[in-house]
Amino acid sequence: MLSWTVTFFIIAIIAAVFGFTGIATGAASIAKILFFVFLVAFVISIIANAFRGKKAI
C-alpha cells in the first residue's frame, strides 16, 4: 500500500511540473488518503502483534 502512495505522489509531482493542476491535486489527495490508511493498518498490526505476544520485526 505504501508503494501506491509513492506512485500517486510521483504522479502528482510530474503533473504539477507540467501544469496539470487538477490531476496533480487529485493524485496528491489520493496519495494522502492512502498514506493515512497505511499508517492506520500499521498501528493496528503493531497492536495485534503486541496482544499475541509475538515479537515485532
N, C-alpha and C. Protein backbone atom coordinates (compact mmCIF):
# COMPACT_ATOMS: atom_id res chain seq x y z
N MET A 1 0.83 -1.19 0.00
CA MET A 1 0.00 0.00 0.00
C MET A 1 0.88 1.25 0.00
N LEU A 2 2.01 1.15 0.65
CA LEU A 2 2.90 2.30 0.67
C LEU A 2 3.46 2.58 -0.73
N SER A 3 3.61 1.54 -1.53
CA SER A 3 4.10 1.75 -2.90
C SER A 3 3.08 2.51 -3.74
N TRP A 4 1.78 2.27 -3.49
CA TRP A 4 0.75 3.04 -4.20
C TRP A 4 0.81 4.51 -3.81
N THR A 5 1.08 4.77 -2.54
CA THR A 5 1.19 6.15 -2.07
C THR A 5 2.34 6.86 -2.77
N VAL A 6 3.48 6.18 -2.86
CA VAL A 6 4.62 6.77 -3.54
C VAL A 6 4.33 6.99 -5.02
N THR A 7 3.64 6.04 -5.65
CA THR A 7 3.29 6.16 -7.06
C THR A 7 2.41 7.38 -7.31
N PHE A 8 1.37 7.55 -6.51
CA PHE A 8 0.49 8.70 -6.70
C PHE A 8 1.20 10.00 -6.36
N PHE A 9 2.13 9.97 -5.41
CA PHE A 9 2.91 11.17 -5.09
C PHE A 9 3.78 11.58 -6.27
N ILE A 10 4.40 10.61 -6.91
CA ILE A 10 5.24 10.90 -8.09
C ILE A 10 4.38 11.41 -9.24
N ILE A 11 3.20 10.82 -9.44
CA ILE A 11 2.29 11.31 -10.47
C ILE A 11 1.89 12.75 -10.20
N ALA A 12 1.64 13.07 -8.93
CA ALA A 12 1.26 14.43 -8.56
C ALA A 12 2.38 15.42 -8.85
N ILE A 13 3.62 15.03 -8.56
CA ILE A 13 4.76 15.92 -8.82
C ILE A 13 4.94 16.14 -10.31
N ILE A 14 4.87 15.07 -11.09
CA ILE A 14 5.03 15.20 -12.54
C ILE A 14 3.92 16.05 -13.14
N ALA A 15 2.69 15.83 -12.70
CA ALA A 15 1.56 16.62 -13.21
C ALA A 15 1.70 18.08 -12.83
N ALA A 16 2.20 18.35 -11.63
CA ALA A 16 2.39 19.74 -11.20
C ALA A 16 3.47 20.43 -12.03
N VAL A 17 4.52 19.70 -12.37
CA VAL A 17 5.60 20.29 -13.18
C VAL A 17 5.08 20.67 -14.56
N PHE A 18 4.22 19.83 -15.13
CA PHE A 18 3.71 20.11 -16.47
C PHE A 18 2.48 21.02 -16.47
N GLY A 19 2.01 21.42 -15.29
CA GLY A 19 0.93 22.39 -15.22
C GLY A 19 -0.47 21.82 -15.18
N PHE A 20 -0.60 20.52 -14.99
CA PHE A 20 -1.92 19.91 -14.89
C PHE A 20 -2.36 19.96 -13.43
N THR A 21 -2.88 21.10 -13.01
CA THR A 21 -3.16 21.29 -11.59
C THR A 21 -4.28 20.40 -11.08
N GLY A 22 -5.29 20.15 -11.91
CA GLY A 22 -6.39 19.29 -11.48
C GLY A 22 -5.92 17.87 -11.22
N ILE A 23 -5.11 17.35 -12.11
CA ILE A 23 -4.59 15.99 -11.96
C ILE A 23 -3.63 15.93 -10.77
N ALA A 24 -2.81 16.96 -10.62
CA ALA A 24 -1.87 16.99 -9.50
C ALA A 24 -2.60 17.01 -8.17
N THR A 25 -3.65 17.80 -8.08
CA THR A 25 -4.42 17.88 -6.84
C THR A 25 -5.08 16.55 -6.54
N GLY A 26 -5.66 15.92 -7.55
CA GLY A 26 -6.31 14.63 -7.36
C GLY A 26 -5.33 13.55 -6.93
N ALA A 27 -4.20 13.49 -7.59
CA ALA A 27 -3.20 12.47 -7.26
C ALA A 27 -2.63 12.71 -5.86
N ALA A 28 -2.41 13.96 -5.49
CA ALA A 28 -1.91 14.26 -4.15
C ALA A 28 -2.94 13.88 -3.09
N SER A 29 -4.21 14.11 -3.37
CA SER A 29 -5.26 13.73 -2.42
C SER A 29 -5.32 12.23 -2.23
N ILE A 30 -5.22 11.49 -3.33
CA ILE A 30 -5.23 10.03 -3.25
C ILE A 30 -4.02 9.53 -2.48
N ALA A 31 -2.85 10.13 -2.74
CA ALA A 31 -1.63 9.73 -2.04
C ALA A 31 -1.76 9.98 -0.54
N LYS A 32 -2.35 11.11 -0.18
CA LYS A 32 -2.52 11.43 1.24
C LYS A 32 -3.45 10.44 1.92
N ILE A 33 -4.56 10.11 1.27
CA ILE A 33 -5.52 9.16 1.84
C ILE A 33 -4.87 7.78 2.00
N LEU A 34 -4.17 7.32 0.97
CA LEU A 34 -3.53 6.02 1.05
C LEU A 34 -2.46 5.97 2.14
N PHE A 35 -1.75 7.08 2.32
CA PHE A 35 -0.73 7.13 3.36
C PHE A 35 -1.35 6.98 4.74
N PHE A 36 -2.46 7.67 4.99
CA PHE A 36 -3.10 7.56 6.29
C PHE A 36 -3.73 6.18 6.51
N VAL A 37 -4.25 5.58 5.45
CA VAL A 37 -4.77 4.22 5.57
C VAL A 37 -3.63 3.26 5.90
N PHE A 38 -2.47 3.46 5.28
CA PHE A 38 -1.30 2.64 5.58
C PHE A 38 -0.89 2.81 7.03
N LEU A 39 -0.87 4.04 7.53
CA LEU A 39 -0.49 4.27 8.92
C LEU A 39 -1.45 3.59 9.90
N VAL A 40 -2.74 3.67 9.63
CA VAL A 40 -3.73 3.03 10.50
C VAL A 40 -3.54 1.51 10.48
N ALA A 41 -3.34 0.94 9.30
CA ALA A 41 -3.13 -0.50 9.20
C ALA A 41 -1.85 -0.92 9.92
N PHE A 42 -0.82 -0.10 9.85
CA PHE A 42 0.44 -0.39 10.53
C PHE A 42 0.26 -0.37 12.04
N VAL A 43 -0.44 0.62 12.56
CA VAL A 43 -0.67 0.71 14.00
C VAL A 43 -1.52 -0.46 14.49
N ILE A 44 -2.55 -0.83 13.74
CA ILE A 44 -3.38 -1.97 14.11
C ILE A 44 -2.55 -3.25 14.11
N SER A 45 -1.65 -3.39 13.15
CA SER A 45 -0.79 -4.56 13.09
C SER A 45 0.14 -4.62 14.30
N ILE A 46 0.71 -3.50 14.69
CA ILE A 46 1.59 -3.46 15.85
C ILE A 46 0.82 -3.83 17.12
N ILE A 47 -0.38 -3.29 17.28
CA ILE A 47 -1.20 -3.58 18.46
C ILE A 47 -1.61 -5.06 18.49
N ALA A 48 -1.98 -5.60 17.34
CA ALA A 48 -2.38 -7.01 17.28
C ALA A 48 -1.20 -7.91 17.63
N ASN A 49 -0.02 -7.59 17.16
CA ASN A 49 1.16 -8.39 17.49
C ASN A 49 1.51 -8.27 18.97
N ALA A 50 1.27 -7.13 19.57
CA ALA A 50 1.57 -6.96 20.99
C ALA A 50 0.62 -7.81 21.83
N PHE A 51 -0.65 -7.92 21.44
CA PHE A 51 -1.59 -8.73 22.19
C PHE A 51 -1.34 -10.23 22.00
N ARG A 52 -0.80 -10.60 20.89
CA ARG A 52 -0.50 -12.02 20.65
C ARG A 52 0.76 -12.44 21.37
N GLY A 53 1.60 -11.49 21.73
CA GLY A 53 2.84 -11.82 22.43
C GLY A 53 3.99 -12.15 21.52
N LYS A 54 3.82 -11.95 20.22
CA LYS A 54 4.91 -12.20 19.30
C LYS A 54 5.80 -10.96 19.22
N LYS A 55 7.06 -11.20 18.88
CA LYS A 55 7.99 -10.09 18.74
C LYS A 55 7.74 -9.36 17.43
N ALA A 56 7.81 -8.04 17.47
CA ALA A 56 7.69 -7.24 16.25
C ALA A 56 9.03 -7.24 15.54
N ILE A 57 8.99 -7.10 14.27
CA ILE A 57 10.22 -7.10 13.47
C ILE A 57 10.96 -5.80 13.66
